[in-house]
Structures are given as structure tokens and as C-alpha cells.
Amino acid sequence: ERINPTGKKKLKAALKEHDMDYILKEAIMQQDNGAHILDVNVGLPDIDEVQKQNFMEEAMEEVAASITV
């Protein structure tokens, strides 16, 4: 649930700036802290739907390549 922009200013900024390193760092930190499943939400109301879809696909590919949960 850490990769959900609701109430998280730093994550919102990272999403707007397309900062994949921030998202990957969050995913790795969750895995290192014992998470078995990650909930990845990169949707923001002020991002257009095509951009949101493309970013979600990129985020999922990179997260899946970086962790084992």
C-alpha cells in the first residue's frame, strides 16, 4: 500500500516527474521489510488516461524486474 499516491506528497511528485527510481526504492523497501504482495497504484487525477496506462505498464515491468514478491 506504500505505492499509492493518496496522501503521499513525495510519491505524487515522483509520479508527476516520472521518477521510477523513487517507485522502485519503495517496492524494494517493502520487500526488504517482509511484504509478500505489493499493491501498486500510480494513478493521479491530473494525468491523462493514455499517460496513466503507459506509466502503469512501465512501473509494473520495472517493479517486477526488481523484486521477487
N, C-alpha and C. Protein backbone atom coordinates (compact mmCIF):
# COMPACT_ATOMS: atom_id res chain seq x y z
N GLU A 1 0.82 -1.20 0.00
CA GLU A 1 0.00 0.00 0.00
C GLU A 1 0.86 1.26 0.00
N ARG A 2 2.16 1.11 0.08
CA ARG A 2 3.05 2.28 0.08
C ARG A 2 3.15 2.92 -1.29
N ILE A 3 2.86 2.18 -2.34
CA ILE A 3 2.93 2.76 -3.69
C ILE A 3 1.51 3.12 -4.11
N ASN A 4 0.98 4.09 -3.40
CA ASN A 4 -0.36 4.62 -3.64
C ASN A 4 -0.28 6.11 -3.34
N PRO A 5 -0.55 6.98 -4.30
CA PRO A 5 -0.32 8.40 -4.10
C PRO A 5 -1.28 9.10 -3.14
N THR A 6 -2.34 8.43 -2.70
CA THR A 6 -3.30 9.06 -1.80
C THR A 6 -2.62 9.47 -0.50
N GLY A 7 -2.55 10.76 -0.26
CA GLY A 7 -1.96 11.28 0.97
C GLY A 7 -0.44 11.25 1.03
N LYS A 8 0.21 11.01 -0.09
CA LYS A 8 1.68 10.91 -0.10
C LYS A 8 2.25 11.93 -1.09
N LYS A 9 2.66 13.08 -0.58
CA LYS A 9 3.15 14.17 -1.43
C LYS A 9 4.39 13.77 -2.23
N LYS A 10 5.32 13.06 -1.59
CA LYS A 10 6.56 12.68 -2.29
C LYS A 10 6.27 11.73 -3.44
N LEU A 11 5.37 10.78 -3.22
CA LEU A 11 5.02 9.85 -4.29
C LEU A 11 4.29 10.57 -5.41
N LYS A 12 3.38 11.47 -5.08
CA LYS A 12 2.68 12.25 -6.11
C LYS A 12 3.68 13.01 -6.97
N ALA A 13 4.65 13.64 -6.31
CA ALA A 13 5.68 14.39 -7.06
C ALA A 13 6.49 13.45 -7.93
N ALA A 14 6.85 12.28 -7.40
CA ALA A 14 7.63 11.31 -8.17
C ALA A 14 6.85 10.85 -9.40
N LEU A 15 5.56 10.64 -9.25
CA LEU A 15 4.74 10.20 -10.38
C LEU A 15 4.65 11.30 -11.44
N LYS A 16 4.45 12.52 -11.00
CA LYS A 16 4.37 13.64 -11.95
C LYS A 16 5.68 13.85 -12.69
N GLU A 17 6.80 13.57 -12.01
CA GLU A 17 8.12 13.75 -12.61
C GLU A 17 8.63 12.49 -13.30
N HIS A 18 7.80 11.44 -13.27
CA HIS A 18 8.16 10.15 -13.88
C HIS A 18 9.45 9.60 -13.25
N ASP A 19 9.54 9.70 -11.93
CA ASP A 19 10.71 9.28 -11.17
C ASP A 19 10.58 7.80 -10.80
N MET A 20 10.99 6.93 -11.71
CA MET A 20 10.87 5.50 -11.49
C MET A 20 11.77 5.01 -10.35
N ASP A 21 12.88 5.69 -10.13
CA ASP A 21 13.78 5.29 -9.03
C ASP A 21 13.06 5.35 -7.68
N TYR A 22 12.25 6.37 -7.48
CA TYR A 22 11.51 6.51 -6.23
C TYR A 22 10.55 5.33 -6.05
N ILE A 23 9.85 4.99 -7.11
CA ILE A 23 8.89 3.88 -7.04
C ILE A 23 9.60 2.56 -6.77
N LEU A 24 10.72 2.34 -7.45
CA LEU A 24 11.48 1.10 -7.24
C LEU A 24 12.03 1.04 -5.83
N LYS A 25 12.49 2.16 -5.30
CA LYS A 25 13.01 2.20 -3.93
C LYS A 25 11.91 1.81 -2.94
N GLU A 26 10.69 2.32 -3.17
CA GLU A 26 9.56 1.96 -2.31
C GLU A 26 9.26 0.46 -2.40
N ALA A 27 9.27 -0.08 -3.60
CA ALA A 27 8.98 -1.50 -3.79
C ALA A 27 10.04 -2.37 -3.10
N ILE A 28 11.30 -2.03 -3.29
CA ILE A 28 12.39 -2.80 -2.67
C ILE A 28 12.32 -2.72 -1.15
N MET A 29 12.01 -1.53 -0.63
CA MET A 29 11.91 -1.36 0.82
C MET A 29 10.78 -2.23 1.38
N GLN A 30 9.66 -2.31 0.68
CA GLN A 30 8.56 -3.16 1.15
C GLN A 30 8.97 -4.62 1.16
N GLN A 31 9.65 -5.05 0.10
CA GLN A 31 10.11 -6.44 0.04
C GLN A 31 11.09 -6.72 1.18
N ASP A 32 12.02 -5.80 1.40
CA ASP A 32 13.01 -5.98 2.46
C ASP A 32 12.38 -6.02 3.85
N ASN A 33 11.21 -5.39 3.98
CA ASN A 33 10.51 -5.38 5.27
C ASN A 33 9.51 -6.53 5.40
N GLY A 34 9.55 -7.49 4.46
CA GLY A 34 8.76 -8.70 4.60
C GLY A 34 7.46 -8.78 3.83
N ALA A 35 7.20 -7.82 2.95
CA ALA A 35 5.96 -7.88 2.18
C ALA A 35 5.95 -9.11 1.28
N HIS A 36 4.78 -9.71 1.14
CA HIS A 36 4.61 -10.86 0.26
C HIS A 36 3.92 -10.46 -1.04
N ILE A 37 3.19 -9.35 -0.99
CA ILE A 37 2.45 -8.83 -2.14
C ILE A 37 2.58 -7.32 -2.13
N LEU A 38 2.68 -6.72 -3.32
CA LEU A 38 2.70 -5.27 -3.41
C LEU A 38 1.45 -4.78 -4.13
N ASP A 39 0.89 -3.70 -3.62
CA ASP A 39 -0.23 -3.03 -4.24
C ASP A 39 0.35 -1.78 -4.91
N VAL A 40 0.38 -1.76 -6.23
CA VAL A 40 0.98 -0.65 -6.96
C VAL A 40 -0.13 0.19 -7.60
N ASN A 41 -0.19 1.46 -7.21
CA ASN A 41 -1.18 2.39 -7.74
C ASN A 41 -0.43 3.64 -8.18
N VAL A 42 -0.38 3.88 -9.46
CA VAL A 42 0.32 5.06 -9.97
C VAL A 42 -0.65 6.05 -10.62
N GLY A 43 -1.93 5.92 -10.30
CA GLY A 43 -2.93 6.81 -10.88
C GLY A 43 -3.03 8.14 -10.15
N LEU A 44 -3.08 9.18 -10.92
CA LEU A 44 -3.32 10.52 -10.39
C LEU A 44 -4.42 11.16 -11.21
N PRO A 45 -5.29 11.93 -10.58
CA PRO A 45 -6.39 12.54 -11.33
C PRO A 45 -5.94 13.52 -12.42
N ASP A 46 -4.78 14.14 -12.26
CA ASP A 46 -4.34 15.14 -13.23
C ASP A 46 -3.40 14.60 -14.29
N ILE A 47 -3.35 13.28 -14.46
CA ILE A 47 -2.58 12.66 -15.54
C ILE A 47 -3.59 12.10 -16.54
N ASP A 48 -3.38 12.35 -17.83
CA ASP A 48 -4.35 11.84 -18.80
C ASP A 48 -4.31 10.32 -18.85
N GLU A 49 -5.40 9.73 -19.30
CA GLU A 49 -5.57 8.27 -19.25
C GLU A 49 -4.51 7.51 -20.05
N VAL A 50 -4.13 7.99 -21.21
CA VAL A 50 -3.11 7.30 -22.01
C VAL A 50 -1.78 7.33 -21.28
N GLN A 51 -1.40 8.48 -20.75
CA GLN A 51 -0.15 8.59 -19.99
C GLN A 51 -0.19 7.68 -18.76
N LYS A 52 -1.35 7.64 -18.09
CA LYS A 52 -1.51 6.81 -16.90
C LYS A 52 -1.32 5.33 -17.25
N GLN A 53 -1.92 4.89 -18.35
CA GLN A 53 -1.81 3.49 -18.78
C GLN A 53 -0.36 3.14 -19.12
N ASN A 54 0.30 4.00 -19.87
CA ASN A 54 1.70 3.76 -20.23
C ASN A 54 2.59 3.71 -19.01
N PHE A 55 2.37 4.62 -18.07
CA PHE A 55 3.20 4.66 -16.87
C PHE A 55 2.94 3.44 -16.00
N MET A 56 1.69 3.00 -15.91
CA MET A 56 1.37 1.81 -15.12
C MET A 56 2.09 0.59 -15.70
N GLU A 57 2.07 0.44 -17.01
CA GLU A 57 2.76 -0.69 -17.64
C GLU A 57 4.25 -0.62 -17.36
N GLU A 58 4.85 0.56 -17.52
CA GLU A 58 6.28 0.71 -17.26
C GLU A 58 6.61 0.42 -15.80
N ALA A 59 5.81 0.95 -14.89
CA ALA A 59 6.05 0.75 -13.46
C ALA A 59 5.97 -0.73 -13.11
N MET A 60 4.96 -1.42 -13.62
CA MET A 60 4.81 -2.84 -13.30
C MET A 60 5.96 -3.67 -13.86
N GLU A 61 6.39 -3.37 -15.07
CA GLU A 61 7.52 -4.09 -15.65
C GLU A 61 8.79 -3.89 -14.84
N GLU A 62 9.05 -2.65 -14.44
CA GLU A 62 10.28 -2.37 -13.70
C GLU A 62 10.24 -2.91 -12.29
N VAL A 63 9.08 -2.79 -11.62
CA VAL A 63 8.94 -3.34 -10.28
C VAL A 63 9.10 -4.86 -10.33
N ALA A 64 8.44 -5.51 -11.26
CA ALA A 64 8.52 -6.97 -11.37
C ALA A 64 9.95 -7.43 -11.66
N ALA A 65 10.71 -6.64 -12.38
CA ALA A 65 12.10 -7.00 -12.71
C ALA A 65 13.04 -6.74 -11.53
N SER A 66 12.60 -5.95 -10.55
CA SER A 66 13.49 -5.53 -9.46
C SER A 66 13.27 -6.28 -8.16
N ILE A 67 12.11 -6.94 -8.01
CA ILE A 67 11.83 -7.65 -6.77
C ILE A 67 11.31 -9.05 -7.07
N THR A 68 11.18 -9.85 -6.02
CA THR A 68 10.77 -11.24 -6.23
C THR A 68 9.42 -11.57 -5.61
N VAL A 69 8.72 -10.60 -5.03
CA VAL A 69 7.40 -10.89 -4.43
C VAL A 69 6.31 -10.70 -5.45
